Every structure is written in C-alpha cells, then in structure tokens.
N, C-alpha and C. Protein backbone atom coordinates (compact mmCIF):
# COMPACT_ATOMS: atom_id res chain seq x y z
N MET A 1 100.27 17.59 -56.91
CA MET A 1 99.91 15.65 -56.41
C MET A 1 100.87 15.28 -57.19
N THR A 2 102.00 13.88 -56.98
CA THR A 2 102.63 13.41 -57.97
C THR A 2 101.64 12.42 -58.46
N THR A 3 101.70 11.93 -59.70
CA THR A 3 101.52 10.94 -60.63
C THR A 3 101.08 9.28 -59.30
N TYR A 4 102.44 9.17 -58.60
CA TYR A 4 102.19 8.30 -57.76
C TYR A 4 100.81 8.25 -56.65
N LYS A 5 100.65 9.78 -56.22
CA LYS A 5 99.84 9.70 -55.21
C LYS A 5 98.65 9.85 -55.95
N LYS A 6 98.33 10.40 -56.90
CA LYS A 6 96.89 10.45 -57.54
C LYS A 6 96.71 8.99 -57.39
N LEU A 7 97.71 8.44 -57.95
CA LEU A 7 97.49 6.37 -58.24
C LEU A 7 96.75 6.29 -56.89
N ALA A 8 97.56 6.46 -55.85
CA ALA A 8 97.20 5.72 -54.57
C ALA A 8 96.32 6.31 -53.91
N VAL A 9 95.96 7.69 -54.01
CA VAL A 9 94.28 8.20 -53.36
C VAL A 9 93.24 7.64 -54.54
N LEU A 10 93.22 7.42 -55.85
CA LEU A 10 92.22 6.74 -56.53
C LEU A 10 92.25 5.30 -56.19
N ASN A 11 93.30 4.36 -55.98
CA ASN A 11 93.30 2.95 -55.47
C ASN A 11 92.55 2.66 -53.84
N ARG A 12 92.70 3.88 -53.22
CA ARG A 12 92.07 3.68 -52.04
C ARG A 12 90.45 4.07 -52.45
N TYR A 13 90.90 5.33 -53.19
CA TYR A 13 88.82 5.39 -53.44
C TYR A 13 87.91 4.10 -53.58
N TYR A 14 88.78 3.52 -54.77
CA TYR A 14 88.35 2.17 -55.54
C TYR A 14 87.93 0.92 -54.29
N ARG A 15 89.25 0.77 -53.01
CA ARG A 15 89.10 0.10 -52.46
C ARG A 15 87.72 -0.23 -51.29
N ILE A 16 87.57 1.54 -50.95
CA ILE A 16 86.47 2.39 -50.31
C ILE A 16 85.03 1.75 -50.24
N THR A 17 85.25 1.86 -52.01
CA THR A 17 83.99 1.83 -52.74
C THR A 17 83.52 0.48 -53.10
N LYS A 18 84.25 -0.14 -52.69
CA LYS A 18 84.50 -1.84 -53.31
C LYS A 18 84.14 -2.15 -54.90
N PHE A 19 85.13 -1.11 -55.67
CA PHE A 19 85.04 -1.36 -57.12
C PHE A 19 85.48 -2.76 -57.35
N TYR A 20 87.13 -3.33 -56.36
CA TYR A 20 87.49 -4.37 -56.95
C TYR A 20 86.99 -5.37 -56.46
N GLY A 21 85.64 -5.39 -55.84
CA GLY A 21 85.06 -6.34 -55.15
C GLY A 21 84.12 -6.76 -56.22
N PHE A 22 83.42 -5.87 -56.74
CA PHE A 22 82.38 -5.51 -58.06
C PHE A 22 83.13 -5.59 -59.28
N LEU A 23 84.49 -5.58 -59.45
CA LEU A 23 84.81 -6.21 -60.76
C LEU A 23 85.09 -7.80 -60.86
N LYS A 24 85.67 -8.01 -59.44
CA LYS A 24 85.77 -9.18 -59.28
C LYS A 24 84.88 -10.29 -59.83
N ASP A 25 83.71 -9.85 -58.83
CA ASP A 25 82.28 -10.36 -59.05
C ASP A 25 81.90 -10.93 -60.24
N THR A 26 81.88 -9.36 -61.25
CA THR A 26 81.36 -9.26 -62.23
C THR A 26 82.03 -10.26 -63.37
N ALA A 27 83.33 -10.58 -63.11
CA ALA A 27 84.68 -11.59 -64.20
C ALA A 27 84.14 -12.44 -63.95
N ILE A 28 83.96 -13.06 -62.70
CA ILE A 28 83.82 -14.15 -62.44
C ILE A 28 82.41 -14.70 -62.75
N LYS A 29 81.20 -13.95 -62.82
CA LYS A 29 79.86 -14.17 -63.30
C LYS A 29 80.34 -14.25 -64.87
N GLY A 30 81.25 -13.31 -65.78
CA GLY A 30 81.23 -13.00 -66.79
C GLY A 30 81.69 -14.34 -67.52
N GLY A 31 83.02 -14.86 -66.64
CA GLY A 31 83.47 -15.90 -66.91
C GLY A 31 82.69 -17.13 -67.12
N LEU A 32 81.80 -17.30 -66.23
CA LEU A 32 80.97 -18.15 -65.69
C LEU A 32 79.93 -17.94 -67.05
N VAL A 33 79.34 -17.39 -66.93
CA VAL A 33 78.03 -16.64 -67.82
C VAL A 33 78.56 -17.44 -70.02
N ILE A 34 79.93 -17.22 -69.70
CA ILE A 34 80.20 -17.94 -71.35
C ILE A 34 80.73 -19.24 -71.18
N VAL A 35 80.83 -19.60 -70.44
CA VAL A 35 81.52 -21.17 -69.96
C VAL A 35 80.14 -22.22 -69.97
N LEU A 36 78.80 -21.53 -69.37
CA LEU A 36 77.76 -21.54 -69.18
C LEU A 36 77.25 -21.61 -70.95
N PHE A 37 77.00 -21.13 -71.02
CA PHE A 37 76.81 -20.74 -72.69
C PHE A 37 77.28 -21.56 -73.78
N VAL A 38 78.71 -21.63 -73.86
CA VAL A 38 79.24 -22.93 -74.37
C VAL A 38 78.98 -24.11 -74.23
N ALA A 39 78.86 -24.63 -72.89
CA ALA A 39 78.32 -25.51 -72.54
C ALA A 39 77.03 -26.37 -72.69
N ILE A 40 76.03 -25.59 -72.37
CA ILE A 40 74.35 -24.98 -72.63
C ILE A 40 74.44 -25.65 -74.50
N LEU A 41 75.17 -25.05 -75.68
CA LEU A 41 75.25 -24.98 -76.58
C LEU A 41 75.90 -26.57 -77.13
N LEU A 42 77.07 -26.91 -77.00
CA LEU A 42 77.55 -27.90 -76.61
C LEU A 42 76.46 -28.82 -76.12
N ALA A 43 76.04 -28.93 -75.48
CA ALA A 43 75.17 -30.21 -74.71
C ALA A 43 74.00 -30.24 -75.80
N LEU A 44 73.30 -29.10 -76.32
CA LEU A 44 72.28 -29.03 -76.71
C LEU A 44 72.61 -29.71 -78.06
N GLU A 45 73.84 -29.27 -78.70
CA GLU A 45 74.33 -29.92 -80.07
C GLU A 45 74.21 -31.34 -80.29
N TYR A 46 74.96 -31.62 -78.97
CA TYR A 46 75.00 -33.02 -78.98
C TYR A 46 73.60 -34.09 -78.75
N PHE A 47 73.28 -33.73 -78.00
CA PHE A 47 71.91 -34.35 -77.65
C PHE A 47 70.29 -34.11 -78.33
N PHE A 48 70.09 -32.68 -78.69
CA PHE A 48 68.94 -32.43 -79.69
C PHE A 48 69.40 -31.30 -81.06
N LEU A 49 69.88 -31.07 -80.99
CA LEU A 49 70.38 -30.06 -82.23
C LEU A 49 71.23 -30.17 -83.03
N ASP A 50 71.54 -29.33 -84.07
CA ASP A 50 72.47 -29.17 -85.07
C ASP A 50 72.74 -27.96 -85.15
N PHE A 51 73.77 -27.20 -84.04
CA PHE A 51 73.52 -25.80 -84.04
C PHE A 51 74.47 -25.26 -85.29
N ASN A 52 75.40 -26.12 -85.93
CA ASN A 52 76.09 -25.32 -87.25
C ASN A 52 74.99 -25.17 -87.86
N SER A 53 73.77 -26.81 -88.53
CA SER A 53 72.95 -26.70 -89.36
C SER A 53 72.27 -25.46 -89.27
N LEU A 54 71.66 -25.14 -88.16
CA LEU A 54 70.52 -24.02 -87.63
C LEU A 54 71.49 -22.92 -88.41
N LEU A 55 72.31 -22.48 -87.31
CA LEU A 55 73.25 -21.08 -88.29
C LEU A 55 73.27 -21.13 -89.59
N ASN A 56 73.64 -22.27 -89.80
CA ASN A 56 73.68 -22.30 -91.55
C ASN A 56 72.43 -21.85 -92.21
N SER A 57 71.30 -22.37 -91.80
CA SER A 57 70.09 -22.03 -92.14
C SER A 57 69.70 -20.58 -91.77
N LEU A 58 70.04 -20.11 -90.77
CA LEU A 58 69.70 -18.60 -90.67
C LEU A 58 70.89 -17.74 -91.62
N VAL A 59 71.86 -18.20 -91.89
CA VAL A 59 72.55 -16.95 -92.81
C VAL A 59 71.53 -17.59 -94.38
N GLU A 60 71.26 -18.81 -94.75
CA GLU A 60 70.44 -18.83 -95.96
C GLU A 60 69.29 -18.17 -95.59
N SER A 61 68.29 -18.58 -94.96
CA SER A 61 66.92 -18.13 -94.49
C SER A 61 66.74 -16.36 -94.03
N PHE A 62 67.77 -15.53 -93.84
CA PHE A 62 66.97 -14.04 -93.29
C PHE A 62 68.29 -13.63 -93.83
N SER A 63 67.64 -12.58 -94.58
CA SER A 63 69.14 -11.49 -95.01
C SER A 63 70.01 -11.11 -93.97
N ALA A 64 71.40 -10.78 -94.20
CA ALA A 64 72.05 -9.94 -93.49
C ALA A 64 71.67 -8.64 -92.71
N GLY A 65 70.78 -8.30 -93.39
CA GLY A 65 70.12 -6.71 -92.81
C GLY A 65 69.04 -6.85 -92.07
N SER A 66 68.36 -8.04 -92.00
CA SER A 66 67.53 -8.12 -91.23
C SER A 66 67.60 -8.46 -89.89
N ILE A 67 68.84 -9.59 -90.00
CA ILE A 67 70.01 -9.98 -88.45
C ILE A 67 70.40 -8.73 -88.12
N PHE A 68 71.14 -7.84 -88.65
CA PHE A 68 71.53 -6.65 -88.17
C PHE A 68 71.03 -6.01 -87.32
N GLY A 69 69.50 -5.80 -88.14
CA GLY A 69 68.49 -5.11 -87.92
C GLY A 69 67.65 -5.36 -86.26
N VAL A 70 67.82 -6.19 -86.24
CA VAL A 70 66.90 -7.14 -84.79
C VAL A 70 67.98 -7.17 -84.03
N PHE A 71 69.58 -6.99 -84.56
CA PHE A 71 70.30 -7.03 -83.57
C PHE A 71 70.58 -5.67 -82.84
N LEU A 72 70.67 -4.82 -83.56
CA LEU A 72 70.48 -3.09 -83.50
C LEU A 72 69.27 -3.14 -82.32
N ILE A 73 68.35 -3.27 -82.13
CA ILE A 73 67.07 -2.69 -81.49
C ILE A 73 67.57 -3.56 -80.54
N SER A 74 67.78 -5.20 -80.44
CA SER A 74 68.09 -5.81 -78.60
C SER A 74 69.43 -4.63 -78.07
N GLU A 75 70.40 -4.24 -78.82
CA GLU A 75 71.19 -3.95 -78.29
C GLU A 75 71.11 -2.14 -77.59
N THR A 76 69.56 -1.68 -78.50
CA THR A 76 69.05 -0.46 -77.97
C THR A 76 68.44 -0.62 -76.84
N VAL A 77 67.82 -1.79 -76.50
CA VAL A 77 66.33 -1.98 -75.97
C VAL A 77 66.53 -3.25 -75.03
N LEU A 78 67.74 -2.73 -73.96
CA LEU A 78 67.56 -3.39 -72.55
C LEU A 78 68.64 -4.64 -73.00
N GLY A 79 69.16 -4.82 -74.17
CA GLY A 79 70.02 -6.00 -74.61
C GLY A 79 69.26 -7.56 -74.23
N LEU A 80 68.34 -7.57 -75.10
CA LEU A 80 66.93 -8.66 -74.52
C LEU A 80 67.89 -9.73 -75.31
N LEU A 81 68.63 -10.06 -76.14
CA LEU A 81 68.92 -11.26 -76.93
C LEU A 81 70.69 -11.06 -76.32
N PRO A 82 70.89 -12.12 -76.20
CA PRO A 82 72.72 -12.46 -76.17
C PRO A 82 73.16 -12.27 -77.19
N PRO A 83 74.54 -11.17 -77.26
CA PRO A 83 75.60 -11.17 -78.49
C PRO A 83 75.93 -12.34 -78.67
N GLU A 84 76.58 -13.16 -77.64
CA GLU A 84 76.81 -14.81 -78.52
C GLU A 84 76.29 -15.12 -79.42
N LEU A 85 74.91 -15.10 -79.28
CA LEU A 85 74.29 -15.40 -80.60
C LEU A 85 74.38 -15.07 -82.06
N PHE A 86 74.77 -13.71 -81.54
CA PHE A 86 75.26 -12.56 -83.31
C PHE A 86 76.38 -13.52 -83.47
N ILE A 87 77.45 -13.68 -82.62
CA ILE A 87 78.66 -13.43 -82.97
C ILE A 87 78.75 -15.09 -83.22
N ALA A 88 78.14 -16.02 -83.14
CA ALA A 88 78.36 -17.44 -83.48
C ALA A 88 77.27 -16.98 -84.63
N TRP A 89 76.68 -16.87 -85.46
CA TRP A 89 76.26 -16.68 -86.22
C TRP A 89 76.85 -15.75 -87.23
N SER A 90 77.77 -14.84 -87.04
CA SER A 90 78.33 -13.79 -87.55
C SER A 90 79.92 -15.51 -88.24
N SER A 91 80.02 -16.19 -87.68
CA SER A 91 80.93 -17.34 -87.79
C SER A 91 80.70 -17.87 -89.20
N LYS A 92 79.34 -17.97 -89.30
CA LYS A 92 79.08 -18.72 -90.22
C LYS A 92 78.74 -18.27 -91.66
N SER A 93 78.71 -16.67 -91.41
CA SER A 93 78.73 -16.10 -92.53
C SER A 93 79.99 -16.52 -93.51
N ALA A 94 80.25 -15.58 -94.95
CA ALA A 94 81.02 -15.58 -96.11
C ALA A 94 82.68 -15.22 -95.62
N THR A 95 82.18 -13.85 -94.81
CA THR A 95 82.81 -12.98 -93.98
C THR A 95 82.86 -12.83 -92.87
N PRO A 96 83.04 -14.12 -91.72
CA PRO A 96 82.85 -13.60 -90.19
C PRO A 96 83.38 -12.37 -89.66
N TRP A 97 84.65 -12.10 -90.17
CA TRP A 97 85.18 -11.00 -89.30
C TRP A 97 84.88 -9.59 -89.88
N LEU A 98 83.91 -9.69 -90.92
CA LEU A 98 83.76 -8.38 -91.06
C LEU A 98 82.20 -7.98 -90.73
N PHE A 99 81.42 -9.21 -90.43
CA PHE A 99 80.06 -9.30 -89.53
C PHE A 99 80.32 -9.45 -88.37
N LEU A 100 81.47 -9.47 -87.99
CA LEU A 100 82.06 -9.39 -86.27
C LEU A 100 81.86 -7.74 -86.00
N PHE A 101 82.82 -7.47 -86.98
CA PHE A 101 82.94 -5.87 -86.77
C PHE A 101 81.56 -5.54 -86.81
N ILE A 102 80.82 -5.63 -87.97
CA ILE A 102 79.35 -5.06 -88.16
C ILE A 102 78.73 -5.15 -86.95
N ILE A 103 79.01 -6.45 -86.22
CA ILE A 103 77.69 -6.57 -84.73
C ILE A 103 78.23 -5.57 -83.69
N ALA A 104 79.55 -5.03 -83.82
CA ALA A 104 80.23 -4.82 -82.78
C ALA A 104 79.92 -3.33 -82.64
N SER A 105 79.94 -2.82 -84.21
CA SER A 105 79.43 -1.28 -84.47
C SER A 105 78.29 -1.65 -83.92
N LEU A 106 77.14 -2.26 -84.32
CA LEU A 106 75.92 -1.99 -83.83
C LEU A 106 75.61 -2.16 -82.64
N SER A 107 76.10 -2.97 -82.02
CA SER A 107 76.28 -3.00 -80.41
C SER A 107 76.75 -1.11 -79.72
N TYR A 108 77.65 -0.78 -80.59
CA TYR A 108 78.33 0.39 -79.73
C TYR A 108 76.90 1.53 -79.80
N ILE A 109 76.54 1.52 -81.40
CA ILE A 109 75.70 2.69 -82.04
C ILE A 109 74.02 2.28 -81.16
N GLY A 110 73.72 0.99 -80.75
CA GLY A 110 72.91 1.04 -79.77
C GLY A 110 73.05 1.32 -78.34
N GLY A 111 74.27 1.33 -77.83
CA GLY A 111 74.50 1.93 -76.61
C GLY A 111 74.09 3.40 -76.42
N VAL A 112 75.00 4.51 -77.85
CA VAL A 112 74.88 5.38 -77.97
C VAL A 112 73.57 6.00 -78.21
N ILE A 113 72.67 4.67 -78.87
CA ILE A 113 70.61 5.53 -78.77
C ILE A 113 70.51 5.27 -77.42
N ALA A 114 71.15 4.74 -77.03
CA ALA A 114 70.26 4.36 -75.46
C ALA A 114 70.67 5.65 -74.37
N TYR A 115 71.92 5.77 -74.57
CA TYR A 115 72.61 7.28 -73.88
C TYR A 115 71.36 7.92 -74.02
N PHE A 116 71.17 8.30 -76.19
CA PHE A 116 70.76 9.62 -75.82
C PHE A 116 69.04 9.45 -75.54
N VAL A 117 68.80 8.20 -75.39
CA VAL A 117 67.00 7.85 -75.32
C VAL A 117 67.17 8.39 -73.28
N GLY A 118 68.32 7.96 -72.98
CA GLY A 118 68.22 8.27 -71.30
C GLY A 118 68.13 9.44 -70.92
N LYS A 119 69.24 10.51 -71.72
CA LYS A 119 69.19 12.24 -71.74
C LYS A 119 67.88 12.79 -71.76
N GLN A 120 66.90 11.84 -73.09
CA GLN A 120 65.76 12.50 -73.50
C GLN A 120 64.55 11.90 -72.30
N LEU A 121 64.57 11.05 -71.55
CA LEU A 121 63.99 10.29 -70.45
C LEU A 121 64.31 11.51 -69.58
N ASN A 122 65.36 12.14 -69.14
CA ASN A 122 65.74 12.59 -67.58
C ASN A 122 64.75 14.16 -67.68
N GLN A 123 64.48 14.45 -69.09
CA GLN A 123 63.54 15.66 -69.21
C GLN A 123 61.87 15.42 -68.41
N ILE A 124 61.57 14.05 -68.30
CA ILE A 124 60.12 13.79 -68.07
C ILE A 124 60.09 13.01 -66.66
N PRO A 125 59.78 14.20 -65.61
CA PRO A 125 60.15 13.37 -63.96
C PRO A 125 59.65 12.28 -63.82
N SER A 126 58.43 12.18 -64.65
CA SER A 126 57.78 10.91 -63.91
C SER A 126 58.39 9.31 -64.27
N ILE A 127 59.00 9.26 -65.98
CA ILE A 127 59.59 8.24 -66.18
C ILE A 127 61.10 8.30 -65.77
N ARG A 128 61.55 9.18 -65.41
CA ARG A 128 63.25 9.50 -64.56
C ARG A 128 63.11 8.68 -63.50
N ASN A 129 62.23 9.35 -62.73
CA ASN A 129 62.02 8.64 -60.93
C ASN A 129 61.41 7.19 -61.38
N HIS A 130 60.90 6.99 -61.99
CA HIS A 130 60.61 5.41 -62.40
C HIS A 130 61.86 4.25 -62.81
N ILE A 131 62.45 5.23 -63.83
CA ILE A 131 63.72 4.34 -64.31
C ILE A 131 64.49 4.50 -63.35
N GLU A 132 65.53 5.41 -62.54
CA GLU A 132 65.85 5.71 -61.50
C GLU A 132 65.72 4.34 -60.73
N ASN A 133 64.41 4.19 -60.60
CA ASN A 133 64.32 3.30 -59.46
C ASN A 133 64.59 1.78 -59.72
N LYS A 134 64.72 1.85 -60.99
CA LYS A 134 64.72 0.46 -62.02
C LYS A 134 66.19 0.15 -61.70
N ILE A 135 67.01 0.95 -62.03
CA ILE A 135 68.09 0.59 -62.54
C ILE A 135 69.16 1.53 -61.79
N ALA A 136 68.63 1.86 -60.25
CA ALA A 136 69.32 2.77 -59.21
C ALA A 136 70.42 1.61 -59.37
N THR A 137 70.82 0.64 -58.94
CA THR A 137 72.43 0.13 -58.82
C THR A 137 72.89 0.45 -59.74
N HIS A 138 72.56 0.31 -61.11
CA HIS A 138 73.74 0.83 -62.02
C HIS A 138 73.79 2.28 -62.01
N ILE A 139 72.77 3.04 -61.48
CA ILE A 139 73.19 5.12 -61.44
C ILE A 139 73.86 4.95 -60.34
N ASN A 140 74.08 4.07 -59.48
CA ASN A 140 75.23 4.68 -57.71
C ASN A 140 76.25 4.11 -58.55
N ASN A 141 76.35 3.29 -58.96
CA ASN A 141 77.66 2.81 -59.51
C ASN A 141 78.41 3.56 -60.71
N LEU A 142 77.57 4.55 -61.27
CA LEU A 142 78.19 4.93 -62.41
C LEU A 142 78.96 6.19 -61.88
N ARG A 143 77.78 6.68 -60.98
CA ARG A 143 78.21 8.05 -60.23
C ARG A 143 79.45 7.47 -59.27
N LYS A 144 79.74 6.37 -58.83
CA LYS A 144 81.04 6.05 -57.83
C LYS A 144 81.99 5.91 -58.56
N TRP A 145 82.00 5.45 -59.89
CA TRP A 145 83.32 4.72 -61.00
C TRP A 145 83.19 5.34 -62.05
N GLY A 146 82.45 6.07 -62.29
CA GLY A 146 82.76 6.73 -63.45
C GLY A 146 82.89 6.00 -65.24
N GLY A 147 83.94 6.74 -65.79
CA GLY A 147 84.18 5.79 -66.90
C GLY A 147 84.66 4.24 -66.56
N PHE A 148 85.29 3.70 -65.64
CA PHE A 148 85.46 2.37 -65.15
C PHE A 148 84.34 1.44 -65.45
N PHE A 149 82.99 2.06 -64.92
CA PHE A 149 82.04 0.83 -64.95
C PHE A 149 81.28 1.26 -66.32
N VAL A 150 81.58 2.04 -66.98
CA VAL A 150 81.34 2.06 -68.46
C VAL A 150 82.31 1.29 -69.58
N LEU A 151 83.45 0.82 -68.25
CA LEU A 151 84.43 -0.18 -69.49
C LEU A 151 84.17 -1.48 -68.71
N VAL A 152 83.40 -1.84 -67.75
CA VAL A 152 82.91 -2.61 -67.39
C VAL A 152 81.42 -3.57 -68.27
N GLY A 153 80.86 -2.28 -68.04
CA GLY A 153 79.47 -2.64 -68.99
C GLY A 153 79.50 -3.14 -70.42
N ALA A 154 80.79 -2.36 -70.95
CA ALA A 154 81.15 -2.57 -72.53
C ALA A 154 82.01 -3.83 -72.69
N MET A 155 82.49 -4.56 -71.50
CA MET A 155 83.47 -5.58 -71.72
C MET A 155 82.57 -7.05 -70.85
N LEU A 156 81.88 -6.74 -69.91
CA LEU A 156 81.49 -7.80 -69.04
C LEU A 156 80.19 -7.86 -69.51
N PRO A 157 79.37 -9.08 -69.13
CA PRO A 157 78.21 -9.16 -69.32
C PRO A 157 76.88 -8.48 -68.36
N LEU A 158 77.47 -7.05 -67.90
CA LEU A 158 76.51 -6.54 -67.71
C LEU A 158 75.76 -6.21 -69.19
N PRO A 159 74.31 -5.57 -68.92
CA PRO A 159 73.46 -4.85 -69.97
C PRO A 159 74.12 -3.72 -70.46
N HIS A 160 74.79 -3.72 -71.02
CA HIS A 160 75.48 -2.49 -71.76
C HIS A 160 74.25 -1.58 -72.47
N SER A 161 73.34 -2.12 -73.04
CA SER A 161 72.22 -0.46 -73.19
C SER A 161 71.97 0.13 -71.81
N MET A 162 71.79 -0.76 -70.31
CA MET A 162 71.50 -0.45 -69.54
C MET A 162 72.43 0.61 -69.26
N VAL A 163 73.63 0.50 -68.76
CA VAL A 163 74.58 1.40 -68.76
C VAL A 163 74.65 2.24 -69.19
N SER A 164 74.78 2.42 -70.56
CA SER A 164 74.31 3.56 -71.35
C SER A 164 73.19 3.84 -71.17
N LEU A 165 71.98 3.57 -70.84
CA LEU A 165 70.62 4.46 -70.45
C LEU A 165 70.96 5.06 -69.30
N ALA A 166 71.52 4.62 -68.51
CA ALA A 166 72.12 5.27 -67.13
C ALA A 166 72.98 6.38 -67.34
N CYS A 167 73.81 6.59 -68.26
CA CYS A 167 74.82 7.27 -68.65
C CYS A 167 73.79 8.87 -69.29
N GLY A 168 73.13 8.27 -69.90
CA GLY A 168 72.68 9.26 -70.34
C GLY A 168 71.32 9.96 -69.62
N LEU A 169 70.91 9.72 -68.65
CA LEU A 169 70.13 9.97 -67.53
C LEU A 169 69.97 10.57 -66.78
N ILE A 170 72.02 10.29 -66.38
CA ILE A 170 72.85 11.11 -65.12
C ILE A 170 73.42 12.25 -66.21
N ARG A 171 73.45 12.31 -67.18
CA ARG A 171 74.11 13.48 -68.10
C ARG A 171 75.73 13.07 -67.98
N TYR A 172 75.78 11.97 -68.18
CA TYR A 172 77.74 11.28 -67.94
C TYR A 172 77.92 11.87 -68.79
N ASP A 173 79.32 12.56 -69.05
CA ASP A 173 79.75 13.49 -69.97
C ASP A 173 79.80 12.71 -71.50
N LEU A 174 79.22 13.08 -72.80
CA LEU A 174 79.25 12.46 -73.58
C LEU A 174 80.50 11.82 -74.29
N LYS A 175 81.69 12.76 -74.57
CA LYS A 175 83.17 12.49 -74.78
C LYS A 175 83.54 11.38 -74.13
N ASN A 176 83.36 11.05 -72.74
CA ASN A 176 84.25 10.38 -72.01
C ASN A 176 83.06 9.04 -72.30
N TYR A 177 81.74 8.77 -72.23
CA TYR A 177 81.07 7.85 -72.59
C TYR A 177 81.59 6.88 -73.82
N LEU A 178 81.79 7.81 -74.96
CA LEU A 178 82.14 7.24 -76.53
C LEU A 178 83.75 6.39 -76.33
N ALA A 179 84.45 7.50 -75.16
CA ALA A 179 85.67 6.63 -75.47
C ALA A 179 85.87 5.32 -74.68
N TRP A 180 85.11 5.14 -73.50
CA TRP A 180 85.11 3.60 -72.53
C TRP A 180 84.27 2.74 -73.33
N ALA A 181 83.11 3.49 -74.12
CA ALA A 181 82.11 2.01 -74.54
C ALA A 181 82.79 1.85 -75.64
N ILE A 182 84.13 2.27 -76.67
CA ILE A 182 84.83 1.89 -77.36
C ILE A 182 85.11 0.86 -77.36
N PHE A 183 85.11 -0.20 -75.70
CA PHE A 183 86.08 -1.19 -75.46
C PHE A 183 84.74 -2.40 -75.78
N ARG A 184 84.11 -1.92 -76.33
CA ARG A 184 82.62 -2.97 -76.72
C ARG A 184 83.70 -3.86 -78.07
N TYR A 185 84.29 -2.87 -78.73
CA TYR A 185 84.73 -3.97 -79.77
C TYR A 185 85.79 -5.22 -79.55
N LEU A 186 86.69 -4.63 -78.01
CA LEU A 186 87.53 -5.70 -78.08
C LEU A 186 86.44 -6.76 -77.26
N ARG A 187 85.58 -6.56 -76.64
CA ARG A 187 84.80 -7.61 -76.04
C ARG A 187 84.22 -8.65 -77.26
N PHE A 188 83.94 -7.92 -78.05
CA PHE A 188 83.17 -8.56 -79.57
C PHE A 188 84.75 -9.42 -79.87
N GLY A 189 85.39 -8.94 -80.05
CA GLY A 189 86.75 -9.83 -80.54
C GLY A 189 87.11 -10.75 -79.50
N LEU A 190 87.05 -10.99 -78.30
CA LEU A 190 87.70 -11.73 -78.02
C LEU A 190 86.93 -12.84 -77.32
N TYR A 191 85.44 -12.35 -77.35
CA TYR A 191 84.82 -13.41 -77.33
C TYR A 191 84.52 -14.45 -78.84
N ALA A 192 84.48 -13.77 -79.90
CA ALA A 192 84.95 -14.23 -80.96
C ALA A 192 85.86 -15.33 -81.38
N LEU A 193 87.25 -14.70 -80.29
CA LEU A 193 88.07 -15.85 -80.43
C LEU A 193 87.61 -16.96 -79.94
N VAL A 194 86.99 -17.34 -78.93
CA VAL A 194 85.95 -18.71 -78.26
C VAL A 194 85.49 -19.20 -79.20
N ILE A 195 83.89 -18.10 -79.34
CA ILE A 195 83.34 -18.75 -80.16
C ILE A 195 83.25 -19.55 -81.54
N PHE A 196 84.10 -18.20 -82.58
CA PHE A 196 84.48 -18.94 -83.73
C PHE A 196 85.58 -20.36 -83.75
N ARG A 197 85.86 -21.00 -82.52
CA ARG A 197 86.36 -22.17 -82.71
C ARG A 197 85.37 -22.98 -82.24
N VAL A 198 84.74 -22.90 -81.61
CA VAL A 198 83.67 -24.14 -81.22
C VAL A 198 82.41 -24.20 -82.61
N PHE A 199 81.79 -22.92 -83.37
CA PHE A 199 81.32 -23.29 -84.60
C PHE A 199 81.86 -22.83 -85.83
C-alpha cells in the first residue's frame, strides 16, 4: 500500500470515528478556556486583586522547591490545579524560562508517574473496573485514536494525568506514550507566550 493510500485510509478512519469533530470541539474549548482564564484574571486584577503583587509575594514567601512539589503532585493526581497558574508564577521568577522548563518537565514526569500508577491499578480488578467506568470516555478515545489522543491530552486542556492514567490502565505502549507526551513542552511554551505578556 502506498503512503498516499495509507493516509487516505487513516483519514477515512478518523472521519468515521469522529476524531476531527472531537479535535475541533476540544480546540474550541481549549481556546475558550485560555481566553476565559485570562479575562477572569484581568477582571479580578482590575476590580479586586493585584495579581502581580500576589504572584510576587508567592515568589518571595514560598521556596521554588515547595511550589514545584505542589505542581508535581497536582500533575500526577488528576491535574487538580491549572498549569496556567504555575506558568504565571514562573513569569515572576528571576529566570522565567528556566522555571517554565522545570514545570513543563514536572508535568511530563507527573504524567509518566500517572501512567505507571495506571499500570499498577490494572492488576487490581475491583479498582481497575471502578476507574475504567469513571474514565471510560478517555479509554475509548485512547483505544480508537492511540497516540493522537495522547497528543491532544498533552496540548489541550484535557486532564493530562487522566489521559496518562488511562494509557497505563490499558497498557498502551510506553515508548509511544513518552513520544506523544513530549508535546506537553510545546503546550507550556505556547501558553507562556501569552501568559508572560499578561503578567
């Protein structure tokens, strides 16, 4: 089969499984989340808070190590805190791009930890069944779209740790997971280009 035919078959498969619609919806939601996040922060800053002072006080009051630790836990356990807050925090450090690289790396590592947690939970049938029911949509999408779904989880505001957990749970190939999840760095870089200008 020629490369063109392979791409045509792949394109047809993605259309049948509604990947493009999912991608479009997720991208729109992601764009809206970014716009909403920045708008809320600007409104809060204009009317109630001085976020620059708040972020500066975070930099002064807490060690970078403690903030990094909180972020790693968040990125491992279902993405409890929005990474955008930490990107804004890193903009106030003496070396913002270095701090951004560190939090992007911690996000990547948190995803890898979630992957291995999922792999271990796969061995406990009762927990596996419970989690599979809770994140059934992510698992179904992962089975349909494989690495492209990991890419979407890395780039857009799907919980990266949930996608990573799902990968481990269904024993998705680790090398493929690591390769697709590297796009997490690109996401942090793109978000930083916007957030660093605001703060």
